[in-house]
């Protein structure tokens, strides 16, 4: 361990630093202007694939398995240009926008199914019924802290916060001004003001397994796989919302494997696909959209985006299988 002692640099010095490390920058003034709008540190994530590196063999003490890690150097590979870095950054931005748009379609369909199925079973205010949710559980975190998971309490707290603070939603203000009982609006209003994370937790927190089976069956997924996918979608949704790097990320929340589908198009050999990489997630989105928005242009737009930036991106780094374009689910 050592103390951090790097000093801040002007845009001019940042450009000089990059040039000193071998990056070709034809227009320095333009580069400086761009660094004024996109920070050096943010762009550095898109520089990494073009830097020199060494590979070292290490051994995991617990598993005793050996694996290779890549250590990147400061110097760039030969003939890497500033424009290449900016193109990769632009690709990732367009990819996030595309994925976020697709998640929106899935989220709206998920809201609809949660509202409709649970309302028909338990009435208009099912979200206020403690008995349809699992009891609170605890989880020990890595740092030893105890986390209490209480889905009912969490959504109740959120609804009340929205009732008190959300002045923008007309239907919330209408309910408050017209009705004094029940305190909370019906589910078709309450669920509309919930975040995706709440929808995911509702699905995992339902006491009666038949409830989640009904919702997951609509999307042609087993319940456990469905809940796992929702957890991963929420994670990716947050990455997109915060404009973080997406294209070659190793996923922290790995979705459960779907081995086959009787009704919808799915990966021919799921065993061969790395679920920790983005390609598997893109397949998930494609699969869910077959129900949530069957006419979605998602796959056409994705294929077009990959083709537009084919000279910049590495499909292998995204986890794409060699003949992915031959999969039925990606046929246009």
Protein backbone atom coordinates (compact mmCIF):
# COMPACT_ATOMS: atom_id res chain seq x y z
CA UNK A 1 0.00 0.00 0.00
CA UNK A 2 1.12 3.54 -0.73
CA UNK A 3 -0.16 7.09 -0.41
CA UNK A 4 -1.92 8.69 -3.39
CA UNK A 5 0.15 11.65 -4.55
CA UNK A 6 -0.95 12.38 -8.12
CA UNK A 7 -1.57 16.07 -8.77
CA UNK A 8 -4.40 17.57 -10.89
CA UNK A 9 -3.45 18.59 -14.41
CA UNK A 10 -4.71 21.25 -16.80
CA UNK A 11 -6.34 20.05 -20.03
CA UNK A 12 -3.18 20.99 -21.88
CA UNK A 13 -1.04 18.88 -19.56
CA UNK A 14 -3.50 15.97 -19.82
CA UNK A 15 -3.08 16.01 -23.60
CA UNK A 16 0.71 16.13 -23.23
CA UNK A 17 0.55 13.19 -20.83
CA UNK A 18 -1.45 11.09 -23.29
CA UNK A 19 0.91 11.96 -26.12
CA UNK A 20 3.86 11.03 -23.95
CA UNK A 21 2.29 7.60 -23.48
CA UNK A 22 2.01 7.05 -27.21
CA UNK A 23 -1.53 8.18 -28.05
CA UNK A 24 -1.75 9.92 -31.42
CA UNK A 25 -3.67 13.21 -31.09
CA UNK A 26 -3.82 15.09 -34.43
CA UNK A 27 -5.84 18.05 -33.08
CA UNK A 28 -4.67 19.00 -29.58
CA UNK A 29 -7.00 21.99 -29.25
CA UNK A 30 -10.03 19.84 -30.05
CA UNK A 31 -8.89 17.22 -27.56
CA UNK A 32 -8.54 19.84 -24.82
CA UNK A 33 -12.07 21.11 -25.49
CA UNK A 34 -13.46 17.59 -25.27
CA UNK A 35 -11.66 16.97 -21.98
CA UNK A 36 -13.52 20.00 -20.69
CA UNK A 37 -16.79 18.14 -21.26
CA UNK A 38 -15.72 14.54 -20.62
CA UNK A 39 -13.27 14.10 -17.77
CA UNK A 40 -9.90 12.44 -18.30
CA UNK A 41 -10.71 9.84 -15.65
CA UNK A 42 -14.02 8.95 -17.33
CA UNK A 43 -12.30 8.51 -20.70
CA UNK A 44 -9.48 6.45 -19.16
CA UNK A 45 -11.82 3.44 -18.93
CA UNK A 46 -12.11 3.54 -22.73
CA UNK A 47 -8.36 3.85 -23.15
CA UNK A 48 -7.59 0.64 -21.27
CA UNK A 49 -8.32 -1.82 -24.14
CA UNK A 50 -5.71 -0.03 -26.25
CA UNK A 51 -2.88 -0.06 -23.70
CA UNK A 52 0.04 -2.43 -23.54
CA UNK A 53 -0.20 -5.17 -20.95
CA UNK A 54 1.48 -8.17 -19.44
CA UNK A 55 -0.17 -11.40 -18.33
CA UNK A 56 0.72 -13.02 -15.02
CA UNK A 57 -0.23 -16.38 -13.60
CA UNK A 58 -1.63 -16.22 -10.06
CA UNK A 59 -3.03 -18.82 -7.69
CA UNK A 60 -6.22 -18.44 -5.66
CA UNK A 61 -5.39 -19.44 -2.08
CA UNK A 62 -8.85 -20.81 -1.27
CA UNK A 63 -9.60 -22.76 -4.45
CA UNK A 64 -5.92 -23.44 -5.28
CA UNK A 65 -6.76 -22.79 -8.90
CA UNK A 66 -4.39 -20.90 -11.17
CA UNK A 67 -5.62 -18.20 -13.52
CA UNK A 68 -4.17 -15.42 -15.62
CA UNK A 69 -4.59 -11.75 -14.80
CA UNK A 70 -3.81 -8.91 -17.17
CA UNK A 71 -1.79 -5.96 -15.87
CA UNK A 72 -2.10 -2.87 -18.03
CA UNK A 73 0.79 -0.47 -18.50
CA UNK A 74 0.62 3.27 -18.98
CA UNK A 75 1.82 3.12 -22.61
CA UNK A 76 -0.58 2.73 -25.52
CA UNK A 77 -0.20 0.12 -28.23
CA UNK A 78 1.20 1.30 -31.54
CA UNK A 79 -0.90 3.54 -33.82
CA UNK A 80 -3.77 4.14 -31.38
CA UNK A 81 -5.47 7.49 -32.07
CA UNK A 82 -7.54 9.88 -29.98
CA UNK A 83 -10.39 9.39 -32.43
CA UNK A 84 -10.46 5.65 -31.68
CA UNK A 85 -10.94 6.34 -27.96
CA UNK A 86 -13.73 8.83 -28.65
CA UNK A 87 -15.45 6.43 -31.05
CA UNK A 88 -15.45 3.69 -28.41
CA UNK A 89 -16.87 6.17 -25.90
CA UNK A 90 -19.59 7.10 -28.40
CA UNK A 91 -20.42 3.44 -29.01
CA UNK A 92 -20.88 2.80 -25.30
CA UNK A 93 -23.12 5.84 -24.95
CA UNK A 94 -25.36 4.70 -27.81
CA UNK A 95 -25.41 1.17 -26.39
CA UNK A 96 -26.58 2.42 -22.98
CA UNK A 97 -29.36 4.46 -24.58
CA UNK A 98 -30.50 1.43 -26.58
CA UNK A 99 -30.45 -0.88 -23.56
CA UNK A 100 -32.18 1.66 -21.33
CA UNK A 101 -34.96 2.09 -23.90
CA UNK A 102 -35.47 -1.69 -24.04
CA UNK A 103 -35.55 -1.95 -20.24
CA UNK A 104 -38.27 0.71 -20.19
CA UNK A 105 -40.54 -1.50 -22.33
CA UNK A 106 -39.90 -4.48 -20.07
CA UNK A 107 -40.45 -2.41 -16.92
CA UNK A 108 -43.83 -1.11 -18.10
CA UNK A 109 -44.99 -4.64 -18.97
CA UNK A 110 -43.77 -5.89 -15.59
CA UNK A 111 -45.71 -3.16 -13.77
CA UNK A 112 -48.83 -4.08 -15.70
CA UNK A 113 -48.57 -7.77 -14.83
CA UNK A 114 -47.85 -7.16 -11.15
CA UNK A 115 -50.78 -4.75 -10.85
CA UNK A 116 -53.28 -6.82 -12.80
CA UNK A 117 -52.51 -10.28 -11.47
CA UNK A 118 -52.23 -9.33 -7.80
CA UNK A 119 -55.24 -6.96 -7.91
CA UNK A 120 -57.50 -9.67 -9.32
CA UNK A 121 -56.34 -12.05 -6.55
CA UNK A 122 -56.15 -9.77 -3.54
CA UNK A 123 -58.06 -6.59 -4.37
CA UNK A 124 -57.21 -3.03 -5.25
CA UNK A 125 -54.92 -2.41 -2.24
CA UNK A 126 -52.94 -5.65 -2.15
CA UNK A 127 -49.71 -3.69 -1.58
CA UNK A 128 -51.06 -2.82 1.90
CA UNK A 129 -51.69 -6.45 2.83
CA UNK A 130 -48.82 -7.69 5.00
CA UNK A 131 -49.95 -11.30 4.67
CA UNK A 132 -49.14 -11.69 0.96
CA UNK A 133 -45.46 -10.91 1.55
CA UNK A 134 -42.74 -13.03 3.08
CA UNK A 135 -41.81 -12.16 6.68
CA UNK A 136 -38.65 -10.08 7.22
CA UNK A 137 -35.33 -11.89 6.91
CA UNK A 138 -31.77 -10.96 7.84
CA UNK A 139 -28.56 -11.23 5.86
CA UNK A 140 -25.00 -10.95 7.12
CA UNK A 141 -22.85 -8.74 4.89
CA UNK A 142 -19.15 -9.21 4.23
CA UNK A 143 -18.24 -6.55 6.77
CA UNK A 144 -20.25 -8.38 9.43
CA UNK A 145 -23.19 -5.97 9.47
CA UNK A 146 -26.69 -7.43 9.64
CA UNK A 147 -29.09 -6.35 6.88
CA UNK A 148 -32.84 -6.72 7.41
CA UNK A 149 -34.84 -7.46 4.26
CA UNK A 150 -38.46 -6.43 4.67
CA UNK A 151 -40.19 -5.96 1.32
CA UNK A 152 -43.55 -4.91 2.77
CA UNK A 153 -42.00 -2.24 5.00
CA UNK A 154 -39.82 -0.97 2.16
CA UNK A 155 -42.66 -0.42 -0.31
CA UNK A 156 -44.90 1.09 2.39
CA UNK A 157 -42.19 3.58 3.28
CA UNK A 158 -41.71 4.49 -0.39
CA UNK A 159 -45.43 4.99 -1.01
CA UNK A 160 -45.73 7.32 1.98
CA UNK A 161 -42.68 9.30 0.89
CA UNK A 162 -44.18 9.73 -2.56
CA UNK A 163 -47.54 10.78 -1.13
CA UNK A 164 -45.87 13.48 0.92
CA UNK A 165 -43.26 14.68 -1.55
CA UNK A 166 -44.37 13.90 -5.09
CA UNK A 167 -46.15 17.01 -6.35
CA UNK A 168 -45.67 16.22 -10.03
CA UNK A 169 -47.97 13.21 -10.42
CA UNK A 170 -51.52 14.45 -10.94
CA UNK A 171 -53.14 11.13 -10.00
CA UNK A 172 -51.44 11.17 -6.58
CA UNK A 173 -52.68 14.68 -5.83
CA UNK A 174 -56.15 13.73 -7.09
CA UNK A 175 -56.35 10.75 -4.75
CA UNK A 176 -55.19 12.78 -1.73
CA UNK A 177 -57.72 15.53 -2.40
CA UNK A 178 -60.70 13.23 -3.02
CA UNK A 179 -60.27 10.22 -0.71
CA UNK A 180 -59.45 9.92 2.96
CA UNK A 181 -59.55 6.12 3.14
CA UNK A 182 -57.60 3.96 2.59
CA UNK A 183 -54.58 6.11 3.29
CA UNK A 184 -52.65 4.74 0.32
CA UNK A 185 -53.87 4.90 -3.29
CA UNK A 186 -54.87 1.64 -5.02
CA UNK A 187 -52.13 -0.56 -6.44
CA UNK A 188 -52.53 0.72 -10.00
CA UNK A 189 -51.47 4.13 -8.70
CA UNK A 190 -49.01 3.01 -6.00
CA UNK A 191 -47.04 0.67 -8.25
CA UNK A 192 -46.71 3.38 -10.90
CA UNK A 193 -44.63 5.48 -8.47
CA UNK A 194 -42.32 2.60 -7.52
CA UNK A 195 -38.80 2.16 -8.83
CA UNK A 196 -37.67 -0.90 -10.77
CA UNK A 197 -35.90 -2.14 -7.64
CA UNK A 198 -39.26 -2.23 -5.83
CA UNK A 199 -40.82 -4.26 -8.63
CA UNK A 200 -37.95 -6.73 -8.44
CA UNK A 201 -38.26 -7.02 -4.66
CA UNK A 202 -42.02 -7.49 -4.82
CA UNK A 203 -41.52 -10.48 -7.11
CA UNK A 204 -38.92 -12.05 -4.82
CA UNK A 205 -40.89 -11.13 -1.70
CA UNK A 206 -44.29 -12.67 -2.48
CA UNK A 207 -45.21 -15.31 0.10
CA UNK A 208 -47.37 -17.51 -2.15
CA UNK A 209 -45.21 -19.11 -4.86
CA UNK A 210 -48.23 -19.29 -7.17
CA UNK A 211 -48.21 -15.49 -7.29
CA UNK A 212 -44.72 -15.21 -8.72
CA UNK A 213 -45.32 -18.24 -10.95
CA UNK A 214 -48.23 -16.40 -12.54
CA UNK A 215 -46.16 -13.28 -13.25
CA UNK A 216 -43.06 -15.14 -14.46
CA UNK A 217 -45.16 -17.44 -16.66
CA UNK A 218 -46.43 -14.42 -18.57
CA UNK A 219 -42.80 -13.77 -19.57
CA UNK A 220 -42.21 -17.49 -20.28
CA UNK A 221 -39.66 -17.94 -17.51
CA UNK A 222 -39.34 -20.17 -14.44
CA UNK A 223 -39.95 -18.08 -11.29
CA UNK A 224 -36.43 -18.33 -9.86
CA UNK A 225 -34.83 -17.47 -13.19
CA UNK A 226 -37.28 -14.60 -13.64
CA UNK A 227 -36.43 -13.07 -10.24
CA UNK A 228 -32.71 -13.49 -10.91
CA UNK A 229 -33.06 -11.73 -14.27
CA UNK A 230 -34.97 -8.85 -12.67
CA UNK A 231 -32.15 -8.39 -10.17
CA UNK A 232 -29.59 -8.19 -12.99
CA UNK A 233 -31.80 -5.87 -15.06
CA UNK A 234 -32.07 -3.50 -12.11
CA UNK A 235 -28.27 -3.52 -11.82
CA UNK A 236 -27.78 -2.75 -15.53
CA UNK A 237 -30.55 -0.16 -15.43
CA UNK A 238 -28.61 1.72 -12.74
CA UNK A 239 -25.43 1.54 -14.81
CA UNK A 240 -27.28 3.09 -17.76
CA UNK A 241 -28.99 5.73 -15.61
CA UNK A 242 -25.65 6.83 -14.15
CA UNK A 243 -23.95 6.83 -17.58
CA UNK A 244 -21.33 4.31 -16.48
CA UNK A 245 -19.27 2.09 -18.78
CA UNK A 246 -21.33 -0.82 -20.04
CA UNK A 247 -19.93 -2.41 -23.20
CA UNK A 248 -17.20 -4.71 -21.78
CA UNK A 249 -18.16 -4.78 -18.12
CA UNK A 250 -17.92 -7.92 -16.01
CA UNK A 251 -21.32 -8.09 -14.34
CA UNK A 252 -21.34 -8.03 -10.54
CA UNK A 253 -24.82 -9.54 -10.46
CA UNK A 254 -24.80 -12.61 -12.68
CA UNK A 255 -28.19 -13.77 -13.99
CA UNK A 256 -29.37 -17.34 -13.63
CA UNK A 257 -29.00 -19.62 -16.63
CA UNK A 258 -32.01 -20.38 -18.82
CA UNK A 259 -31.39 -23.76 -20.43
CA UNK A 260 -34.20 -23.73 -23.00
CA UNK A 261 -37.52 -22.20 -23.97
CA UNK A 262 -40.48 -24.04 -25.48
CA UNK A 263 -42.27 -20.95 -26.78
CA UNK A 264 -39.75 -18.21 -27.52
CA UNK A 265 -36.46 -17.91 -29.35
CA UNK A 266 -33.46 -18.45 -27.08
CA UNK A 267 -29.75 -19.25 -27.25
CA UNK A 268 -29.11 -22.62 -28.89
CA UNK A 269 -26.36 -23.57 -26.44
CA UNK A 270 -26.63 -21.45 -23.27
CA UNK A 271 -23.88 -23.49 -21.60
CA UNK A 272 -21.32 -21.93 -23.94
CA UNK A 273 -22.21 -18.31 -23.16
CA UNK A 274 -20.54 -16.37 -20.34
CA UNK A 275 -23.33 -15.03 -18.14
CA UNK A 276 -20.98 -12.51 -16.55
CA UNK A 277 -20.62 -10.63 -19.85
CA UNK A 278 -22.97 -8.29 -21.65
CA UNK A 279 -23.91 -10.59 -24.54
CA UNK A 280 -25.91 -12.89 -22.26
CA UNK A 281 -27.73 -9.85 -20.87
CA UNK A 282 -28.54 -8.63 -24.37
CA UNK A 283 -29.98 -12.08 -25.10
CA UNK A 284 -32.11 -11.74 -21.95
CA UNK A 285 -33.46 -8.40 -23.14
CA UNK A 286 -34.18 -9.83 -26.59
CA UNK A 287 -36.01 -12.76 -24.99
CA UNK A 288 -38.17 -10.61 -22.69
CA UNK A 289 -39.04 -8.18 -25.49
CA UNK A 290 -40.58 -11.05 -27.45
CA UNK A 291 -43.38 -10.80 -24.87
CA UNK A 292 -43.15 -7.22 -23.59
CA UNK A 293 -42.86 -5.58 -27.02
CA UNK A 294 -42.95 -8.09 -29.90
CA UNK A 295 -42.50 -5.42 -32.58
CA UNK A 296 -39.49 -3.86 -30.84
CA UNK A 297 -36.67 -2.83 -33.22
CA UNK A 298 -34.14 -3.65 -30.47
CA UNK A 299 -32.25 -6.39 -32.28
CA UNK A 300 -32.18 -4.50 -35.58
CA UNK A 301 -30.83 -1.42 -33.82
CA UNK A 302 -28.28 -3.46 -31.88
CA UNK A 303 -27.01 -5.24 -34.99
CA UNK A 304 -26.78 -1.88 -36.78
CA UNK A 305 -24.86 -0.35 -33.87
CA UNK A 306 -22.38 -3.24 -33.74
CA UNK A 307 -21.82 -2.95 -37.47
CA UNK A 308 -21.32 0.83 -37.28
CA UNK A 309 -18.51 0.41 -34.73
CA UNK A 310 -17.10 -2.94 -35.89
CA UNK A 311 -13.64 -1.42 -36.39
CA UNK A 312 -13.53 -0.13 -32.83
CA UNK A 313 -15.17 -2.70 -30.57
CA UNK A 314 -14.21 -6.22 -29.57
CA UNK A 315 -17.22 -8.54 -29.58
CA UNK A 316 -15.18 -11.07 -27.63
CA UNK A 317 -14.77 -8.54 -24.81
CA UNK A 318 -18.57 -8.28 -24.69
CA UNK A 319 -18.93 -12.05 -24.47
CA UNK A 320 -20.41 -12.61 -27.93
CA UNK A 321 -20.11 -16.17 -29.16
CA UNK A 322 -18.34 -16.70 -32.48
CA UNK A 323 -21.47 -17.40 -34.55
CA UNK A 324 -23.98 -15.43 -32.51
CA UNK A 325 -25.53 -13.88 -35.64
CA UNK A 326 -26.69 -17.34 -36.73
CA UNK A 327 -28.89 -17.68 -33.65
CA UNK A 328 -32.59 -17.67 -34.50
CA UNK A 329 -33.27 -15.07 -31.82
CA UNK A 330 -31.02 -12.57 -33.64
CA UNK A 331 -32.41 -13.14 -37.12
CA UNK A 332 -34.01 -9.97 -38.46
